[in-house]
Amino acid sequence: MDLEAVKGTIHDMTAMFFAGADVIWAEQVNTVPVPPYVTLKMGSLDRNALILVDDDGERYYQCDTTVQIDLYTKGRPVATGDMATGNYANTAVSDLMDLFSFLESEEITDRMAGMGISMALMPPIRDLTGLQNDSRYRYRAMAEASVSFLMEADGAYGMSGMAAVPNSSGGGTEEMAGKPIEPIEQVGIVYGDEEEG
């Protein structure tokens, strides 16, 4: 699993829940959709310095990051009797909380664990609603989640986890990616004060 695959999974799980809204990555050239919509933004990546080796000799690094999730919504229409008032109730925080109930459900937790990803809400969920113009509010809620995953780093050059070789910035070669780790076949052991001969 690499960061791009993790981002894809987070996007897909968010879009699965918010099937009636657009889900886009923040800070990209996008046309701003009509609410409701969700933006996702990844935080800094922290990679543990210690390498993990599984029973098959495959090597991995434990990685941790955060994802910021912003929900923009019109809210729930307010009606008086049978008449619509044209007003909307702010449901941004509760709607975003519903996403985390979904993401932390047994079904989704199992799916993500099967891919080696864990994700959990980092409270609180913030109401960032602001006045859009003189008469209308733009309802917005924001939350952050911690994300952990194992990044593959097998092979002689630690490039087995790269989705594309070379990567988008020109890093790596097919030769490097395909070279396995050579096994150690002989070891010389010196005991005590013995001198090597």
N, C-alpha and C. Protein backbone atom coordinates (compact mmCIF):
# COMPACT_ATOMS: atom_id res chain seq x y z
N MET A 1 0.85 -1.18 0.00
CA MET A 1 0.00 0.00 0.00
C MET A 1 0.89 1.24 0.00
N ASP A 2 0.58 2.20 -0.85
CA ASP A 2 1.31 3.47 -0.84
C ASP A 2 0.31 4.60 -0.56
N LEU A 3 0.82 5.82 -0.39
CA LEU A 3 -0.04 6.94 -0.01
C LEU A 3 -1.13 7.20 -1.03
N GLU A 4 -0.82 7.07 -2.32
CA GLU A 4 -1.83 7.32 -3.35
C GLU A 4 -2.97 6.30 -3.26
N ALA A 5 -2.64 5.05 -2.96
CA ALA A 5 -3.68 4.02 -2.79
C ALA A 5 -4.52 4.31 -1.55
N VAL A 6 -3.89 4.77 -0.49
CA VAL A 6 -4.61 5.13 0.74
C VAL A 6 -5.57 6.28 0.45
N LYS A 7 -5.09 7.30 -0.26
CA LYS A 7 -5.95 8.43 -0.63
C LYS A 7 -7.14 7.96 -1.46
N GLY A 8 -6.90 7.07 -2.39
CA GLY A 8 -7.99 6.54 -3.21
C GLY A 8 -9.03 5.82 -2.38
N THR A 9 -8.57 5.04 -1.40
CA THR A 9 -9.50 4.31 -0.52
C THR A 9 -10.32 5.27 0.32
N ILE A 10 -9.68 6.29 0.90
CA ILE A 10 -10.40 7.28 1.71
C ILE A 10 -11.44 8.00 0.86
N HIS A 11 -11.06 8.38 -0.35
CA HIS A 11 -12.01 9.03 -1.25
C HIS A 11 -13.19 8.12 -1.55
N ASP A 12 -12.90 6.86 -1.88
CA ASP A 12 -13.97 5.91 -2.23
C ASP A 12 -14.92 5.65 -1.07
N MET A 13 -14.38 5.51 0.15
CA MET A 13 -15.24 5.27 1.31
C MET A 13 -16.11 6.49 1.62
N THR A 14 -15.53 7.69 1.47
CA THR A 14 -16.29 8.92 1.71
C THR A 14 -17.39 9.07 0.66
N ALA A 15 -17.05 8.80 -0.60
CA ALA A 15 -18.03 8.90 -1.68
C ALA A 15 -19.11 7.83 -1.56
N MET A 16 -18.76 6.67 -1.00
CA MET A 16 -19.76 5.62 -0.79
C MET A 16 -20.84 6.11 0.18
N PHE A 17 -20.42 6.80 1.25
CA PHE A 17 -21.39 7.31 2.22
C PHE A 17 -22.15 8.50 1.66
N PHE A 18 -21.42 9.50 1.14
CA PHE A 18 -22.06 10.70 0.60
C PHE A 18 -22.37 10.49 -0.88
N ALA A 19 -23.21 9.52 -1.17
CA ALA A 19 -23.55 9.18 -2.55
C ALA A 19 -24.28 10.32 -3.26
N GLY A 20 -24.94 11.20 -2.50
CA GLY A 20 -25.67 12.32 -3.08
C GLY A 20 -24.89 13.61 -3.09
N ALA A 21 -23.57 13.54 -2.91
CA ALA A 21 -22.73 14.74 -2.88
C ALA A 21 -21.46 14.47 -3.68
N ASP A 22 -20.84 15.56 -4.17
CA ASP A 22 -19.54 15.44 -4.82
C ASP A 22 -18.46 15.34 -3.75
N VAL A 23 -17.45 14.50 -3.98
CA VAL A 23 -16.30 14.38 -3.07
C VAL A 23 -15.07 14.68 -3.89
N ILE A 24 -14.33 15.74 -3.49
CA ILE A 24 -13.17 16.19 -4.27
C ILE A 24 -11.98 16.43 -3.33
N TRP A 25 -10.79 16.43 -3.90
CA TRP A 25 -9.59 16.76 -3.15
C TRP A 25 -9.42 18.27 -3.12
N ALA A 26 -9.10 18.81 -1.96
CA ALA A 26 -8.88 20.25 -1.80
C ALA A 26 -7.56 20.64 -2.46
N GLU A 27 -7.42 21.93 -2.72
CA GLU A 27 -6.20 22.51 -3.26
C GLU A 27 -5.79 21.92 -4.60
N GLN A 28 -6.79 21.61 -5.41
CA GLN A 28 -6.55 21.22 -6.78
C GLN A 28 -7.42 22.13 -7.65
N VAL A 29 -7.12 22.17 -8.93
CA VAL A 29 -7.90 23.01 -9.82
C VAL A 29 -9.24 22.31 -10.06
N ASN A 30 -10.24 22.78 -9.35
CA ASN A 30 -11.58 22.21 -9.46
C ASN A 30 -12.59 23.33 -9.57
N THR A 31 -13.69 23.06 -10.25
CA THR A 31 -14.84 23.94 -10.20
C THR A 31 -15.55 23.64 -8.90
N VAL A 32 -15.89 24.67 -8.13
CA VAL A 32 -16.56 24.45 -6.85
C VAL A 32 -17.96 23.92 -7.13
N PRO A 33 -18.27 22.72 -6.63
CA PRO A 33 -19.60 22.16 -6.88
C PRO A 33 -20.68 22.88 -6.09
N VAL A 34 -21.91 22.60 -6.46
CA VAL A 34 -23.06 23.10 -5.72
C VAL A 34 -23.22 22.22 -4.47
N PRO A 35 -23.46 22.81 -3.29
CA PRO A 35 -23.64 21.99 -2.08
C PRO A 35 -24.82 21.03 -2.25
N PRO A 36 -24.74 19.84 -1.66
CA PRO A 36 -23.70 19.39 -0.74
C PRO A 36 -22.47 18.85 -1.47
N TYR A 37 -21.30 19.14 -0.89
CA TYR A 37 -20.07 18.54 -1.39
C TYR A 37 -19.08 18.41 -0.23
N VAL A 38 -18.08 17.55 -0.45
CA VAL A 38 -17.07 17.24 0.57
C VAL A 38 -15.71 17.47 -0.04
N THR A 39 -14.81 18.10 0.74
CA THR A 39 -13.42 18.21 0.31
C THR A 39 -12.54 17.40 1.27
N LEU A 40 -11.51 16.80 0.71
CA LEU A 40 -10.54 16.01 1.48
C LEU A 40 -9.16 16.64 1.32
N LYS A 41 -8.39 16.62 2.40
CA LYS A 41 -7.02 17.15 2.35
C LYS A 41 -6.14 16.31 3.27
N MET A 42 -5.06 15.76 2.71
CA MET A 42 -4.14 14.95 3.50
C MET A 42 -3.15 15.84 4.23
N GLY A 43 -2.78 15.41 5.45
CA GLY A 43 -1.77 16.10 6.23
C GLY A 43 -0.38 15.57 5.93
N SER A 44 0.56 15.93 6.77
CA SER A 44 1.94 15.46 6.61
C SER A 44 2.03 13.96 6.87
N LEU A 45 2.99 13.33 6.23
CA LEU A 45 3.19 11.88 6.37
C LEU A 45 4.33 11.62 7.35
N ASP A 46 4.07 10.76 8.33
CA ASP A 46 5.08 10.37 9.31
C ASP A 46 5.39 8.90 9.09
N ARG A 47 6.64 8.59 8.76
CA ARG A 47 7.04 7.20 8.54
C ARG A 47 7.97 6.77 9.66
N ASN A 48 7.62 5.66 10.32
CA ASN A 48 8.44 5.14 11.40
C ASN A 48 9.81 4.72 10.85
N ALA A 49 10.85 5.00 11.60
CA ALA A 49 12.21 4.68 11.14
C ALA A 49 12.50 3.19 11.14
N LEU A 50 11.79 2.43 11.98
CA LEU A 50 12.04 0.99 12.07
C LEU A 50 11.27 0.24 10.99
N ILE A 51 11.94 -0.70 10.37
CA ILE A 51 11.30 -1.49 9.32
C ILE A 51 10.67 -2.73 9.94
N LEU A 52 9.51 -3.12 9.44
CA LEU A 52 8.82 -4.32 9.90
C LEU A 52 9.01 -5.41 8.85
N VAL A 53 9.21 -6.64 9.30
CA VAL A 53 9.39 -7.77 8.39
C VAL A 53 8.36 -8.82 8.76
N ASP A 54 7.55 -9.27 7.78
CA ASP A 54 6.54 -10.28 8.08
C ASP A 54 7.13 -11.69 7.97
N ASP A 55 6.31 -12.70 8.17
CA ASP A 55 6.76 -14.09 8.18
C ASP A 55 7.35 -14.53 6.83
N ASP A 56 6.94 -13.86 5.75
CA ASP A 56 7.45 -14.21 4.42
C ASP A 56 8.69 -13.40 4.04
N GLY A 57 9.18 -12.58 4.96
CA GLY A 57 10.36 -11.77 4.69
C GLY A 57 10.06 -10.46 3.98
N GLU A 58 8.77 -10.15 3.75
CA GLU A 58 8.40 -8.88 3.12
C GLU A 58 8.62 -7.74 4.11
N ARG A 59 9.14 -6.61 3.61
CA ARG A 59 9.47 -5.47 4.47
C ARG A 59 8.45 -4.34 4.31
N TYR A 60 8.15 -3.67 5.44
CA TYR A 60 7.16 -2.58 5.47
C TYR A 60 7.61 -1.49 6.43
N TYR A 61 7.09 -0.28 6.22
CA TYR A 61 7.22 0.81 7.17
C TYR A 61 5.83 1.17 7.68
N GLN A 62 5.72 1.42 8.98
CA GLN A 62 4.47 1.92 9.55
C GLN A 62 4.39 3.41 9.24
N CYS A 63 3.30 3.85 8.62
CA CYS A 63 3.11 5.25 8.25
C CYS A 63 1.85 5.80 8.90
N ASP A 64 1.90 7.06 9.30
CA ASP A 64 0.76 7.72 9.92
C ASP A 64 0.59 9.10 9.28
N THR A 65 -0.66 9.49 9.10
CA THR A 65 -0.98 10.80 8.56
C THR A 65 -2.34 11.22 9.09
N THR A 66 -2.81 12.35 8.63
CA THR A 66 -4.16 12.80 8.98
C THR A 66 -4.88 13.16 7.69
N VAL A 67 -6.19 13.14 7.74
CA VAL A 67 -7.00 13.63 6.63
C VAL A 67 -8.00 14.62 7.20
N GLN A 68 -8.11 15.76 6.55
CA GLN A 68 -9.11 16.77 6.93
C GLN A 68 -10.30 16.60 6.00
N ILE A 69 -11.49 16.51 6.59
CA ILE A 69 -12.72 16.33 5.82
C ILE A 69 -13.62 17.53 6.10
N ASP A 70 -13.97 18.25 5.04
CA ASP A 70 -14.87 19.40 5.15
C ASP A 70 -16.16 19.10 4.40
N LEU A 71 -17.28 19.32 5.06
CA LEU A 71 -18.60 19.13 4.46
C LEU A 71 -19.25 20.49 4.28
N TYR A 72 -19.69 20.77 3.07
CA TYR A 72 -20.44 21.98 2.75
C TYR A 72 -21.84 21.54 2.36
N THR A 73 -22.86 22.11 3.02
CA THR A 73 -24.22 21.65 2.77
C THR A 73 -25.22 22.79 2.86
N LYS A 74 -26.35 22.63 2.18
CA LYS A 74 -27.45 23.58 2.31
C LYS A 74 -28.19 23.37 3.63
N GLY A 75 -28.06 22.19 4.19
CA GLY A 75 -28.80 21.86 5.40
C GLY A 75 -30.15 21.24 5.07
N ARG A 76 -31.02 21.21 6.08
CA ARG A 76 -32.35 20.61 5.93
C ARG A 76 -33.38 21.71 5.75
N PRO A 77 -34.23 21.60 4.70
CA PRO A 77 -35.26 22.61 4.50
C PRO A 77 -36.19 22.70 5.72
N VAL A 78 -36.54 23.91 6.10
CA VAL A 78 -37.45 24.13 7.23
C VAL A 78 -38.83 24.43 6.67
N ALA A 79 -39.82 23.74 7.18
CA ALA A 79 -41.21 23.95 6.74
C ALA A 79 -42.06 24.27 7.95
N THR A 80 -43.09 25.07 7.73
CA THR A 80 -44.08 25.37 8.76
C THR A 80 -45.40 24.81 8.25
N GLY A 81 -45.86 23.76 8.89
CA GLY A 81 -47.06 23.08 8.40
C GLY A 81 -46.77 22.48 7.04
N ASP A 82 -47.58 22.84 6.04
CA ASP A 82 -47.39 22.34 4.68
C ASP A 82 -46.59 23.31 3.81
N MET A 83 -46.15 24.40 4.40
CA MET A 83 -45.51 25.45 3.62
C MET A 83 -43.98 25.45 3.84
N ALA A 84 -43.23 25.52 2.75
CA ALA A 84 -41.79 25.67 2.84
C ALA A 84 -41.47 27.13 3.15
N THR A 85 -40.54 27.35 4.06
CA THR A 85 -40.21 28.72 4.46
C THR A 85 -39.07 29.31 3.65
N GLY A 86 -38.33 28.50 2.94
CA GLY A 86 -37.16 28.98 2.22
C GLY A 86 -35.92 29.01 3.09
N ASN A 87 -36.08 28.68 4.36
CA ASN A 87 -34.94 28.62 5.28
C ASN A 87 -34.42 27.19 5.38
N TYR A 88 -33.17 27.06 5.82
CA TYR A 88 -32.55 25.75 5.98
C TYR A 88 -31.92 25.66 7.36
N ALA A 89 -32.08 24.51 8.01
CA ALA A 89 -31.47 24.25 9.31
C ALA A 89 -30.04 23.74 9.09
N ASN A 90 -29.13 24.16 9.93
CA ASN A 90 -27.73 23.76 9.84
C ASN A 90 -27.56 22.33 10.35
N THR A 91 -27.29 21.40 9.43
CA THR A 91 -27.09 19.99 9.79
C THR A 91 -25.66 19.54 9.52
N ALA A 92 -24.76 20.48 9.25
CA ALA A 92 -23.40 20.12 8.82
C ALA A 92 -22.67 19.24 9.83
N VAL A 93 -22.71 19.60 11.12
CA VAL A 93 -21.99 18.82 12.12
C VAL A 93 -22.59 17.43 12.26
N SER A 94 -23.90 17.34 12.36
CA SER A 94 -24.51 16.01 12.54
C SER A 94 -24.34 15.16 11.29
N ASP A 95 -24.39 15.77 10.10
CA ASP A 95 -24.18 15.00 8.86
C ASP A 95 -22.75 14.46 8.78
N LEU A 96 -21.78 15.26 9.23
CA LEU A 96 -20.39 14.80 9.21
C LEU A 96 -20.16 13.73 10.28
N MET A 97 -20.83 13.85 11.42
CA MET A 97 -20.74 12.80 12.45
C MET A 97 -21.28 11.48 11.91
N ASP A 98 -22.31 11.54 11.08
CA ASP A 98 -22.86 10.32 10.47
C ASP A 98 -21.81 9.62 9.61
N LEU A 99 -20.96 10.42 8.91
CA LEU A 99 -19.89 9.83 8.11
C LEU A 99 -18.97 8.99 9.00
N PHE A 100 -18.61 9.52 10.18
CA PHE A 100 -17.68 8.79 11.03
C PHE A 100 -18.33 7.56 11.66
N SER A 101 -19.63 7.59 11.89
CA SER A 101 -20.32 6.37 12.34
C SER A 101 -20.20 5.30 11.26
N PHE A 102 -20.29 5.72 10.00
CA PHE A 102 -20.14 4.81 8.86
C PHE A 102 -18.70 4.30 8.76
N LEU A 103 -17.72 5.22 8.80
CA LEU A 103 -16.31 4.83 8.65
C LEU A 103 -15.82 3.93 9.78
N GLU A 104 -16.39 4.09 10.97
CA GLU A 104 -15.97 3.28 12.12
C GLU A 104 -16.90 2.10 12.36
N SER A 105 -17.78 1.82 11.40
CA SER A 105 -18.67 0.66 11.50
C SER A 105 -17.87 -0.62 11.29
N GLU A 106 -18.44 -1.72 11.69
CA GLU A 106 -17.76 -3.01 11.56
C GLU A 106 -17.46 -3.35 10.11
N GLU A 107 -18.42 -3.10 9.22
CA GLU A 107 -18.25 -3.43 7.81
C GLU A 107 -17.09 -2.65 7.18
N ILE A 108 -17.06 -1.34 7.38
CA ILE A 108 -16.03 -0.52 6.75
C ILE A 108 -14.68 -0.71 7.44
N THR A 109 -14.69 -0.86 8.76
CA THR A 109 -13.43 -1.13 9.48
C THR A 109 -12.80 -2.42 8.97
N ASP A 110 -13.61 -3.46 8.77
CA ASP A 110 -13.10 -4.73 8.24
C ASP A 110 -12.54 -4.57 6.83
N ARG A 111 -13.25 -3.82 5.99
CA ARG A 111 -12.78 -3.61 4.61
C ARG A 111 -11.43 -2.90 4.61
N MET A 112 -11.34 -1.83 5.40
CA MET A 112 -10.10 -1.06 5.41
C MET A 112 -8.96 -1.85 6.06
N ALA A 113 -9.26 -2.62 7.10
CA ALA A 113 -8.24 -3.46 7.75
C ALA A 113 -7.71 -4.49 6.76
N GLY A 114 -8.58 -5.00 5.89
CA GLY A 114 -8.15 -5.95 4.87
C GLY A 114 -7.15 -5.34 3.89
N MET A 115 -7.16 -4.02 3.78
CA MET A 115 -6.20 -3.31 2.93
C MET A 115 -5.03 -2.76 3.73
N GLY A 116 -5.04 -3.02 5.05
CA GLY A 116 -3.95 -2.55 5.91
C GLY A 116 -4.07 -1.10 6.33
N ILE A 117 -5.30 -0.56 6.35
CA ILE A 117 -5.52 0.85 6.70
C ILE A 117 -6.40 0.92 7.93
N SER A 118 -6.08 1.83 8.84
CA SER A 118 -6.99 2.14 9.95
C SER A 118 -7.23 3.64 9.94
N MET A 119 -8.45 4.03 10.35
CA MET A 119 -8.83 5.44 10.31
C MET A 119 -9.75 5.72 11.48
N ALA A 120 -9.51 6.81 12.22
CA ALA A 120 -10.32 7.13 13.39
C ALA A 120 -10.47 8.64 13.54
N LEU A 121 -11.65 9.07 13.95
CA LEU A 121 -11.94 10.48 14.19
C LEU A 121 -11.03 11.04 15.28
N MET A 122 -10.53 12.25 15.05
CA MET A 122 -9.78 13.00 16.07
C MET A 122 -10.69 14.16 16.49
N PRO A 123 -11.48 13.99 17.56
CA PRO A 123 -12.46 15.02 17.93
C PRO A 123 -11.77 16.37 18.18
N PRO A 124 -12.52 17.46 18.06
CA PRO A 124 -13.95 17.56 17.83
C PRO A 124 -14.29 17.70 16.34
N ILE A 125 -15.58 17.63 16.04
CA ILE A 125 -16.08 18.04 14.73
C ILE A 125 -16.46 19.51 14.89
N ARG A 126 -15.87 20.36 14.07
CA ARG A 126 -16.05 21.81 14.23
C ARG A 126 -17.11 22.35 13.27
N ASP A 127 -17.92 23.27 13.77
CA ASP A 127 -18.88 23.99 12.93
C ASP A 127 -18.18 25.25 12.43
N LEU A 128 -17.94 25.32 11.12
CA LEU A 128 -17.24 26.47 10.53
C LEU A 128 -18.17 27.26 9.62
N THR A 129 -19.44 27.26 9.95
CA THR A 129 -20.44 27.98 9.16
C THR A 129 -20.11 29.46 9.14
N GLY A 130 -20.28 30.06 7.97
CA GLY A 130 -20.03 31.49 7.85
C GLY A 130 -21.07 32.14 6.97
N LEU A 131 -21.26 33.44 7.16
CA LEU A 131 -22.21 34.19 6.35
C LEU A 131 -21.64 34.34 4.95
N GLN A 132 -22.37 33.81 3.95
CA GLN A 132 -21.87 33.82 2.57
C GLN A 132 -22.14 35.17 1.92
N ASN A 133 -23.30 35.72 2.18
CA ASN A 133 -23.62 37.08 1.73
C ASN A 133 -24.52 37.69 2.80
N ASP A 134 -25.20 38.77 2.51
CA ASP A 134 -25.98 39.46 3.54
C ASP A 134 -27.15 38.65 4.08
N SER A 135 -27.61 37.67 3.31
CA SER A 135 -28.83 36.98 3.73
C SER A 135 -28.72 35.47 3.82
N ARG A 136 -27.57 34.91 3.48
CA ARG A 136 -27.47 33.47 3.38
C ARG A 136 -26.21 32.93 4.04
N TYR A 137 -26.36 31.82 4.72
CA TYR A 137 -25.21 31.16 5.34
C TYR A 137 -24.73 30.01 4.47
N ARG A 138 -23.44 29.74 4.56
CA ARG A 138 -22.88 28.55 3.93
C ARG A 138 -22.55 27.62 5.08
N TYR A 139 -23.32 26.54 5.22
CA TYR A 139 -23.12 25.61 6.33
C TYR A 139 -21.90 24.73 6.03
N ARG A 140 -21.00 24.68 7.01
CA ARG A 140 -19.75 23.91 6.82
C ARG A 140 -19.36 23.29 8.15
N ALA A 141 -18.92 22.03 8.09
CA ALA A 141 -18.35 21.35 9.26
C ALA A 141 -17.03 20.73 8.83
N MET A 142 -16.08 20.65 9.78
CA MET A 142 -14.76 20.10 9.48
C MET A 142 -14.34 19.15 10.59
N ALA A 143 -13.73 18.06 10.20
CA ALA A 143 -13.17 17.10 11.16
C ALA A 143 -11.87 16.57 10.60
N GLU A 144 -11.03 16.08 11.51
CA GLU A 144 -9.79 15.41 11.11
C GLU A 144 -9.82 13.97 11.60
N ALA A 145 -9.19 13.13 10.84
CA ALA A 145 -9.09 11.72 11.21
C ALA A 145 -7.63 11.29 11.13
N SER A 146 -7.23 10.41 12.05
CA SER A 146 -5.89 9.83 11.97
C SER A 146 -5.97 8.63 11.04
N VAL A 147 -4.92 8.45 10.25
CA VAL A 147 -4.86 7.36 9.28
C VAL A 147 -3.52 6.65 9.45
N SER A 148 -3.56 5.32 9.58
CA SER A 148 -2.34 4.51 9.68
C SER A 148 -2.37 3.44 8.60
N PHE A 149 -1.20 3.14 8.05
CA PHE A 149 -1.11 2.08 7.04
C PHE A 149 0.33 1.58 6.97
N LEU A 150 0.50 0.43 6.36
CA LEU A 150 1.83 -0.14 6.14
C LEU A 150 2.25 0.11 4.70
N MET A 151 3.40 0.75 4.52
CA MET A 151 3.93 1.01 3.19
C MET A 151 4.93 -0.08 2.83
N GLU A 152 4.71 -0.74 1.73
CA GLU A 152 5.62 -1.79 1.28
C GLU A 152 6.97 -1.18 0.92
N ALA A 153 8.05 -1.86 1.31
CA ALA A 153 9.40 -1.37 1.02
C ALA A 153 10.32 -2.54 0.77
N ASP A 154 9.86 -3.50 -0.01
CA ASP A 154 10.64 -4.70 -0.26
C ASP A 154 11.54 -4.51 -1.48
N GLY A 155 12.39 -5.49 -1.73
CA GLY A 155 13.32 -5.43 -2.84
C GLY A 155 14.62 -4.77 -2.43
N ALA A 156 15.63 -4.94 -3.25
CA ALA A 156 16.96 -4.43 -2.93
C ALA A 156 16.97 -2.91 -2.76
N TYR A 157 16.08 -2.22 -3.47
CA TYR A 157 16.03 -0.76 -3.39
C TYR A 157 14.79 -0.25 -2.65
N GLY A 158 14.03 -1.15 -2.02
CA GLY A 158 12.86 -0.75 -1.24
C GLY A 158 11.76 -0.11 -2.06
N MET A 159 11.61 -0.53 -3.32
CA MET A 159 10.67 0.13 -4.22
C MET A 159 9.45 -0.71 -4.56
N SER A 160 9.22 -1.81 -3.86
CA SER A 160 8.11 -2.68 -4.24
C SER A 160 6.75 -2.03 -4.03
N GLY A 161 6.67 -1.01 -3.17
CA GLY A 161 5.39 -0.37 -2.90
C GLY A 161 5.04 0.74 -3.87
N MET A 162 5.93 1.06 -4.80
CA MET A 162 5.65 2.14 -5.74
C MET A 162 4.61 1.69 -6.75
N ALA A 163 3.57 2.49 -6.93
CA ALA A 163 2.49 2.15 -7.86
C ALA A 163 2.97 2.23 -9.31
N ALA A 164 3.81 3.20 -9.61
CA ALA A 164 4.33 3.37 -10.97
C ALA A 164 5.83 3.62 -10.89
N VAL A 165 6.57 2.97 -11.79
CA VAL A 165 8.01 3.15 -11.86
C VAL A 165 8.37 3.54 -13.29
N PRO A 166 9.00 4.68 -13.53
CA PRO A 166 9.32 5.70 -12.53
C PRO A 166 8.05 6.37 -12.02
N ASN A 167 8.18 7.05 -10.85
CA ASN A 167 7.00 7.72 -10.29
C ASN A 167 6.72 9.00 -11.07
N SER A 168 5.68 9.72 -10.70
CA SER A 168 5.26 10.92 -11.44
C SER A 168 6.32 12.00 -11.50
N SER A 169 7.28 11.96 -10.58
CA SER A 169 8.35 12.96 -10.56
C SER A 169 9.65 12.42 -11.15
N GLY A 170 9.60 11.23 -11.79
CA GLY A 170 10.77 10.67 -12.45
C GLY A 170 11.65 9.81 -11.56
N GLY A 171 11.19 9.46 -10.37
CA GLY A 171 12.00 8.67 -9.44
C GLY A 171 11.89 7.17 -9.66
N GLY A 172 13.04 6.49 -9.60
CA GLY A 172 13.09 5.04 -9.72
C GLY A 172 13.18 4.56 -11.15
N THR A 173 13.63 3.31 -11.29
CA THR A 173 13.70 2.67 -12.61
C THR A 173 13.13 1.27 -12.50
N GLU A 174 12.76 0.71 -13.63
CA GLU A 174 12.25 -0.66 -13.67
C GLU A 174 13.31 -1.64 -13.13
N GLU A 175 14.58 -1.39 -13.47
CA GLU A 175 15.66 -2.27 -13.02
C GLU A 175 15.75 -2.28 -11.49
N MET A 176 15.67 -1.10 -10.88
CA MET A 176 15.72 -1.02 -9.42
C MET A 176 14.52 -1.72 -8.79
N ALA A 177 13.34 -1.47 -9.35
CA ALA A 177 12.11 -2.03 -8.78
C ALA A 177 12.09 -3.55 -8.84
N GLY A 178 12.71 -4.11 -9.87
CA GLY A 178 12.67 -5.56 -10.05
C GLY A 178 13.78 -6.33 -9.36
N LYS A 179 14.74 -5.64 -8.76
CA LYS A 179 15.87 -6.34 -8.16
C LYS A 179 15.51 -6.83 -6.76
N PRO A 180 15.58 -8.16 -6.55
CA PRO A 180 15.26 -8.70 -5.22
C PRO A 180 16.43 -8.53 -4.25
N ILE A 181 16.16 -8.73 -2.99
CA ILE A 181 17.22 -8.74 -1.99
C ILE A 181 17.96 -10.06 -2.12
N GLU A 182 19.27 -9.99 -2.23
CA GLU A 182 20.08 -11.21 -2.35
C GLU A 182 20.24 -11.85 -0.98
N PRO A 183 20.01 -13.16 -0.89
CA PRO A 183 20.15 -13.83 0.41
C PRO A 183 21.62 -13.94 0.83
N ILE A 184 21.87 -13.92 2.13
CA ILE A 184 23.22 -14.12 2.67
C ILE A 184 23.44 -15.62 2.74
N GLU A 185 24.48 -16.11 2.05
CA GLU A 185 24.70 -17.55 1.99
C GLU A 185 25.78 -18.03 2.94
N GLN A 186 26.75 -17.19 3.26
CA GLN A 186 27.82 -17.60 4.17
C GLN A 186 28.07 -16.49 5.18
N VAL A 187 28.37 -16.91 6.40
CA VAL A 187 28.69 -15.97 7.45
C VAL A 187 29.93 -16.47 8.16
N GLY A 188 30.90 -15.61 8.35
CA GLY A 188 32.10 -15.97 9.10
C GLY A 188 31.96 -15.52 10.54
N ILE A 189 32.17 -16.42 11.50
CA ILE A 189 32.04 -16.09 12.91
C ILE A 189 33.39 -16.23 13.58
N VAL A 190 33.76 -15.22 14.33
CA VAL A 190 35.04 -15.23 15.08
C VAL A 190 34.70 -15.30 16.56
N TYR A 191 35.29 -16.27 17.27
CA TYR A 191 35.02 -16.43 18.70
C TYR A 191 36.15 -15.83 19.53
N GLY A 192 35.78 -15.09 20.57
CA GLY A 192 36.75 -14.60 21.54
C GLY A 192 37.92 -13.86 20.92
N ASP A 193 39.15 -14.31 21.28
CA ASP A 193 40.36 -13.62 20.85
C ASP A 193 40.96 -14.23 19.58
N GLU A 194 40.22 -15.10 18.91
CA GLU A 194 40.75 -15.73 17.69
C GLU A 194 41.01 -14.66 16.64
N GLU A 195 42.09 -14.86 15.91
CA GLU A 195 42.39 -13.95 14.82
C GLU A 195 41.92 -14.58 13.53
N GLU A 196 41.48 -13.70 12.61
CA GLU A 196 41.03 -14.21 11.31
C GLU A 196 42.26 -14.65 10.53
N GLY A 197 42.13 -15.75 9.77
CA GLY A 197 43.25 -16.28 9.02
C GLY A 197 43.18 -16.07 7.58
